[in-house]
Protein backbone atom coordinates (compact mmCIF):
# COMPACT_ATOMS: atom_id res chain seq x y z
CA UNK A 1 14.03 -11.90 -5.27
CA UNK A 2 11.67 -8.93 -5.41
CA UNK A 3 14.46 -6.66 -6.67
CA UNK A 4 15.35 -9.20 -9.37
CA UNK A 5 11.74 -9.39 -10.55
CA UNK A 6 11.39 -5.60 -10.66
CA UNK A 7 14.66 -5.25 -12.57
CA UNK A 8 13.40 -7.89 -14.97
CA UNK A 9 10.20 -5.88 -15.45
CA UNK A 10 12.23 -2.71 -16.05
CA UNK A 11 14.31 -4.46 -18.70
CA UNK A 12 11.18 -5.79 -20.39
CA UNK A 13 9.67 -2.31 -20.44
CA UNK A 14 12.91 -0.89 -21.84
CA UNK A 15 12.89 -3.42 -24.67
CA UNK A 16 9.26 -2.57 -25.44
CA UNK A 17 10.13 1.15 -25.51
CA UNK A 18 13.00 0.51 -27.93
CA UNK A 19 10.69 -1.52 -30.16
CA UNK A 20 8.10 1.26 -30.09
CA UNK A 21 10.72 3.86 -31.05
CA UNK A 22 11.91 1.65 -33.89
CA UNK A 23 8.31 1.34 -35.08
CA UNK A 24 7.84 5.12 -35.01
CA UNK A 25 10.97 5.62 -37.08
CA UNK A 26 9.70 3.12 -39.63
CA UNK A 27 6.25 4.76 -39.91
CA UNK A 28 7.33 7.62 -42.26
CA UNK A 29 8.85 5.08 -44.64
CA UNK A 30 5.62 3.09 -44.73
CA UNK A 31 3.45 6.17 -45.23
CA UNK A 32 5.74 7.36 -48.01
CA UNK A 33 5.23 4.17 -49.97
CA UNK A 34 1.44 4.41 -49.61
CA UNK A 35 1.08 7.98 -50.77
CA UNK A 36 2.53 10.08 -47.93
CA UNK A 37 -0.78 11.44 -46.68
CA UNK A 38 -1.93 11.37 -43.11
CA UNK A 39 -5.12 9.69 -44.21
CA UNK A 40 -3.14 6.73 -45.59
CA UNK A 41 -1.19 6.52 -42.36
CA UNK A 42 -4.41 6.41 -40.39
CA UNK A 43 -5.71 3.79 -42.75
CA UNK A 44 -2.95 1.45 -41.61
CA UNK A 45 -4.38 1.47 -38.07
CA UNK A 46 -6.90 -1.16 -36.99
CA UNK A 47 -10.39 -0.25 -38.07
CA UNK A 48 -13.28 -0.16 -35.65
CA UNK A 49 -14.31 3.43 -35.21
CA UNK A 50 -13.73 5.17 -31.91
CA UNK A 51 -10.69 5.30 -29.65
CA UNK A 52 -12.44 3.15 -27.05
CA UNK A 53 -12.62 0.26 -29.49
CA UNK A 54 -8.91 0.65 -30.18
CA UNK A 55 -8.29 0.57 -26.42
CA UNK A 56 -10.20 -2.71 -26.29
CA UNK A 57 -8.03 -3.99 -29.17
CA UNK A 58 -4.81 -3.03 -27.40
CA UNK A 59 -6.00 -4.29 -24.03
CA UNK A 60 -8.15 -7.39 -24.60
CA UNK A 61 -10.44 -8.49 -21.82
CA UNK A 62 -10.98 -4.99 -20.44
CA UNK A 63 -13.78 -2.51 -20.96
CA UNK A 64 -14.25 1.14 -20.09
CA UNK A 65 -15.39 0.34 -16.55
CA UNK A 66 -12.11 -1.37 -15.69
CA UNK A 67 -10.08 1.80 -16.26
CA UNK A 68 -12.30 4.02 -14.14
CA UNK A 69 -10.14 5.36 -11.30
CA UNK A 70 -12.65 7.84 -9.89
CA UNK A 71 -12.88 8.14 -6.12
CA UNK A 72 -16.35 7.24 -4.88
CA UNK A 73 -17.99 8.48 -1.70
CA UNK A 74 -18.38 4.85 -0.64
CA UNK A 75 -14.61 4.35 -0.88
CA UNK A 76 -13.94 7.31 1.40
CA UNK A 77 -16.56 6.17 3.91
CA UNK A 78 -15.28 2.59 4.05
CA UNK A 79 -11.66 3.72 4.39
CA UNK A 80 -12.55 6.12 7.19
CA UNK A 81 -14.62 3.54 9.07
CA UNK A 82 -11.92 0.88 8.82
CA UNK A 83 -9.26 3.34 10.01
CA UNK A 84 -11.28 4.46 13.04
CA UNK A 85 -12.24 0.92 14.01
CA UNK A 86 -8.69 -0.44 13.73
CA UNK A 87 -7.06 2.43 15.62
CA UNK A 88 -9.72 2.54 18.33
CA UNK A 89 -9.71 -1.23 18.87
CA UNK A 90 -5.93 -1.54 18.87
CA UNK A 91 -5.41 1.23 21.41
CA UNK A 92 -8.27 0.03 23.62
CA UNK A 93 -7.01 -3.56 23.59
CA UNK A 94 -3.59 -2.43 24.79
CA UNK A 95 -5.03 -0.41 27.67
CA UNK A 96 -7.41 -3.20 28.70
CA UNK A 97 -4.50 -5.63 28.96
CA UNK A 98 -2.47 -3.03 30.88
CA UNK A 99 -5.35 -2.46 33.29
CA UNK A 100 -5.82 -6.20 33.78
CA UNK A 101 -2.12 -6.56 34.54
CA UNK A 102 -2.36 -3.76 37.10
CA UNK A 103 -5.33 -5.48 38.72
CA UNK A 104 -3.32 -8.68 38.99
CA UNK A 105 -0.48 -6.83 40.69
CA UNK A 106 2.27 -7.04 38.05
CA UNK A 107 1.38 -4.14 35.77
CA UNK A 108 2.19 -0.45 35.59
CA UNK A 109 0.49 1.58 38.28
CA UNK A 110 -2.18 3.94 36.97
CA UNK A 111 -2.98 1.93 33.84
CA UNK A 112 -6.66 1.73 34.71
CA UNK A 113 -6.74 5.51 35.18
CA UNK A 114 -5.36 6.25 31.71
CA UNK A 115 -7.23 9.13 30.01
CA UNK A 116 -8.51 6.84 27.26
CA UNK A 117 -9.93 4.32 29.73
CA UNK A 118 -11.41 7.11 31.85
CA UNK A 119 -12.99 8.81 28.82
CA UNK A 120 -14.64 5.59 27.63
CA UNK A 121 -15.65 3.86 30.85
CA UNK A 122 -15.33 6.53 33.55
CA UNK A 123 -15.78 5.20 37.07
CA UNK A 124 -16.89 1.81 35.72
CA UNK A 125 -13.37 0.87 34.63
CA UNK A 126 -12.38 -0.66 37.97
CA UNK A 127 -15.50 -2.81 38.55
CA UNK A 128 -15.63 -4.00 34.94
CA UNK A 129 -11.98 -5.02 34.86
CA UNK A 130 -12.26 -6.63 38.27
CA UNK A 131 -15.05 -8.88 36.93
CA UNK A 132 -13.46 -11.71 34.91
CA UNK A 133 -16.47 -12.15 32.62
CA UNK A 134 -16.72 -8.45 31.78
CA UNK A 135 -12.97 -8.13 31.22
CA UNK A 136 -12.96 -11.18 28.91
CA UNK A 137 -15.93 -9.77 26.96
CA UNK A 138 -14.15 -6.45 26.44
CA UNK A 139 -10.93 -8.11 25.28
CA UNK A 140 -12.69 -10.38 22.79
CA UNK A 141 -14.84 -7.51 21.53
CA UNK A 142 -11.94 -5.22 20.71
CA UNK A 143 -10.14 -8.12 19.02
CA UNK A 144 -13.08 -9.30 16.90
CA UNK A 145 -14.48 -5.90 15.89
CA UNK A 146 -11.58 -4.82 13.61
CA UNK A 147 -11.14 -8.31 12.18
CA UNK A 148 -14.78 -8.70 11.17
CA UNK A 149 -15.05 -5.09 9.98
CA UNK A 150 -12.01 -5.38 7.72
CA UNK A 151 -13.19 -8.78 6.48
CA UNK A 152 -16.59 -7.40 5.50
CA UNK A 153 -15.02 -4.40 3.75
CA UNK A 154 -12.51 -6.62 1.94
CA UNK A 155 -15.27 -8.95 0.70
CA UNK A 156 -17.37 -5.99 -0.45
CA UNK A 157 -14.48 -4.36 -2.34
CA UNK A 158 -13.43 -7.67 -3.86
CA UNK A 159 -16.97 -8.35 -5.06
CA UNK A 160 -17.19 -4.83 -6.47
CA UNK A 161 -14.04 -5.04 -8.63
CA UNK A 162 -14.99 -8.58 -9.66
CA UNK A 163 -18.42 -7.43 -10.85
CA UNK A 164 -17.71 -3.93 -12.18
CA UNK A 165 -14.05 -4.01 -13.23
CA UNK A 166 -14.23 -7.65 -14.37
CA UNK A 167 -11.34 -8.83 -12.22
CA UNK A 168 -10.93 -12.58 -11.94
CA UNK A 169 -11.46 -14.22 -8.55
CA UNK A 170 -7.79 -15.29 -8.50
CA UNK A 171 -6.64 -11.71 -9.03
CA UNK A 172 -8.91 -10.41 -6.27
CA UNK A 173 -7.61 -13.01 -3.81
CA UNK A 174 -4.01 -12.29 -4.76
CA UNK A 175 -4.38 -8.56 -4.13
CA UNK A 176 -6.14 -9.22 -0.81
CA UNK A 177 -3.39 -11.60 0.34
CA UNK A 178 -0.65 -9.11 -0.52
CA UNK A 179 -2.53 -6.36 1.32
CA UNK A 180 -2.94 -8.59 4.39
CA UNK A 181 0.73 -9.60 4.37
CA UNK A 182 1.89 -6.02 3.99
CA UNK A 183 -0.34 -4.83 6.82
CA UNK A 184 0.97 -7.56 9.14
CA UNK A 185 4.60 -6.72 8.34
CA UNK A 186 3.96 -3.00 8.77
CA UNK A 187 2.40 -3.56 12.18
CA UNK A 188 4.90 -6.13 13.44
CA UNK A 189 8.28 -4.86 12.25
CA UNK A 190 7.53 -1.45 10.72
CA UNK A 191 8.33 -2.44 7.13
CA UNK A 192 7.28 0.29 4.73
CA UNK A 193 4.36 -0.89 2.65
CA UNK A 194 5.77 0.80 -0.43
CA UNK A 195 8.61 -1.73 -0.51
CA UNK A 196 6.02 -4.44 -1.14
CA UNK A 197 3.16 -2.65 -2.87
CA UNK A 198 5.18 -0.85 -5.56
CA UNK A 199 7.08 -3.92 -6.82
CA UNK A 200 3.91 -6.01 -6.65
CA UNK A 201 1.90 -3.50 -8.68
CA UNK A 202 4.67 -3.34 -11.26
CA UNK A 203 4.83 -7.12 -11.52
CA UNK A 204 1.06 -7.14 -12.06
CA UNK A 205 1.50 -4.93 -15.12
CA UNK A 206 0.42 -1.58 -13.68
CA UNK A 207 1.86 1.61 -15.15
CA UNK A 208 4.92 2.65 -13.07
CA UNK A 209 3.65 6.15 -12.25
CA UNK A 210 0.24 4.76 -11.24
CA UNK A 211 1.92 1.99 -9.25
CA UNK A 212 3.95 4.51 -7.25
CA UNK A 213 0.93 6.73 -6.58
CA UNK A 214 -1.31 3.80 -5.62
CA UNK A 215 1.37 2.37 -3.37
CA UNK A 216 1.76 5.70 -1.58
CA UNK A 217 -1.99 5.84 -1.00
CA UNK A 218 -2.03 2.30 0.42
CA UNK A 219 0.91 3.08 2.70
CA UNK A 220 -1.05 6.07 4.03
CA UNK A 221 -3.49 3.65 5.68
CA UNK A 222 -0.97 1.10 6.97
CA UNK A 223 1.40 3.70 8.40
CA UNK A 224 -1.33 5.96 9.79
CA UNK A 225 -3.22 3.19 11.58
CA UNK A 226 -0.03 1.77 13.10
CA UNK A 227 1.26 5.20 14.10
CA UNK A 228 -2.01 6.23 15.72
CA UNK A 229 -2.19 3.01 17.72
CA UNK A 230 1.35 3.46 19.00
CA UNK A 231 0.62 7.09 19.77
CA UNK A 232 -2.50 6.30 21.80
CA UNK A 233 -0.61 3.61 23.71
CA UNK A 234 2.23 5.99 24.70
CA UNK A 235 4.90 4.07 22.80
CA UNK A 236 6.12 6.86 20.50
CA UNK A 237 9.24 8.91 21.25
CA UNK A 238 7.92 12.23 19.98
CA UNK A 239 11.31 13.94 19.70
CA UNK A 240 12.64 11.27 17.33
CA UNK A 241 9.30 11.03 15.50
CA UNK A 242 9.28 14.79 14.87
CA UNK A 243 12.83 14.88 13.49
CA UNK A 244 12.52 11.79 11.32
CA UNK A 245 9.02 12.78 10.27
CA UNK A 246 10.23 16.14 8.98
CA UNK A 247 13.05 14.50 7.03
CA UNK A 248 10.63 11.94 5.62
CA UNK A 249 8.19 14.63 4.47
CA UNK A 250 10.97 16.43 2.61
CA UNK A 251 12.25 13.18 1.10
CA UNK A 252 8.73 12.21 0.02
CA UNK A 253 8.29 15.56 -1.72
CA UNK A 254 11.60 15.12 -3.52
CA UNK A 255 10.69 11.58 -4.57
CA UNK A 256 7.28 12.62 -5.89
CA UNK A 257 8.86 15.51 -7.79
CA UNK A 258 11.38 13.07 -9.29
CA UNK A 259 8.56 10.89 -10.61
CA UNK A 260 6.93 13.93 -12.26
CA UNK A 261 10.26 15.00 -13.76
CA UNK A 262 10.82 11.54 -15.21
CA UNK A 263 7.30 11.57 -16.65
CA UNK A 264 7.67 15.03 -18.20
CA UNK A 265 11.22 14.74 -19.48
CA UNK A 266 11.15 11.12 -20.61
CA UNK A 267 7.60 10.65 -21.84
CA UNK A 268 6.74 7.02 -22.45
CA UNK A 269 9.79 5.79 -20.52
CA UNK A 270 8.12 3.55 -17.97
CA UNK A 271 11.33 1.63 -17.39
CA UNK A 272 13.00 4.62 -15.67
CA UNK A 273 10.40 4.78 -12.89
CA UNK A 274 10.47 1.00 -12.52
CA UNK A 275 14.25 1.15 -12.16
CA UNK A 276 13.92 3.75 -9.39
CA UNK A 277 11.57 1.39 -7.54
CA UNK A 278 14.07 -1.44 -7.99
CA UNK A 279 16.85 0.71 -6.54
CA UNK A 280 14.68 1.54 -3.53
CA UNK A 281 13.90 -2.12 -2.90
CA UNK A 282 17.57 -3.02 -3.28
CA UNK A 283 18.73 -0.32 -0.90
CA UNK A 284 16.20 -1.44 1.70
CA UNK A 285 17.35 -5.04 1.33
CA UNK A 286 20.99 -4.05 1.82
CA UNK A 287 20.21 -1.98 4.94
CA UNK A 288 18.08 -4.78 6.39
CA UNK A 289 20.84 -7.30 5.77
CA UNK A 290 23.43 -5.03 7.40
CA UNK A 291 21.16 -4.62 10.44
CA UNK A 292 20.68 -8.39 10.66
CA UNK A 293 24.44 -9.02 10.52
CA UNK A 294 25.01 -6.41 13.19
CA UNK A 295 22.43 -8.02 15.49
CA UNK A 296 23.93 -11.48 14.95
CA UNK A 297 27.41 -10.18 15.79
CA UNK A 298 26.04 -8.54 18.93
CA UNK A 299 24.35 -11.80 20.01
CA UNK A 300 27.53 -13.80 19.48
CA UNK A 301 29.58 -11.22 21.40
CA UNK A 302 27.16 -11.33 24.36
CA UNK A 303 27.38 -15.14 24.46
């Protein structure tokens, strides 16, 4: 479904590009009938003075504040705080559960002596985890802290874009829901956020090049937080991560270069970048389907 919608967007953009090219070809004929001067050609444009007023004409309902993409210090601080809180809480929750399981006699030996537990609690780890009230308090604390922190940051950011960028409440909620869904899928099954963010941004009318760049930035947080949590809980096979990570870095560089080439060589052709996104979503869907069929065949064979 997502691939179909992105392909539909690409086709719509292509039709708009063809219409724009046809309009540009017709402009010399119009200017020739009105005198041929550049002043007459400019006179055919909507009046209103500056370029900002023309931007408002072409994009009704938006003002200059809504197109401000500058990075604020507050944005960096909030992103850093949320990343640290999520990674720290996720890793600590895992080790607390592992230590509790060891205390109950069915866990991995040495869990309570893990370097992270020792660095945070020192010699108090054993007594605290042995006390049911203290252990329950620690577990609920590391579960609630990231949830409430992210909720507060999400409300603040939503209120900011609603007030400053004039986003509607429905649009703010929609973006927040998509971000929450993508984060859950990234943490649970390792789905790349770009497979959801990029098509969603395109469907919301964002410029393809900006959609790709914004999606990559969002994925930086989802992938980094998940990776760091798995790393601190000793669940990463470093040999495989190093090999695949190197290949991914090279592939990311090639993909980013391709976007720049498409922008430079085919200026104004938004549909080309959108089509690349559609191909990526389609390829991912095909590989996921093949993996699902393979798992189902394996389950039936084992039965």
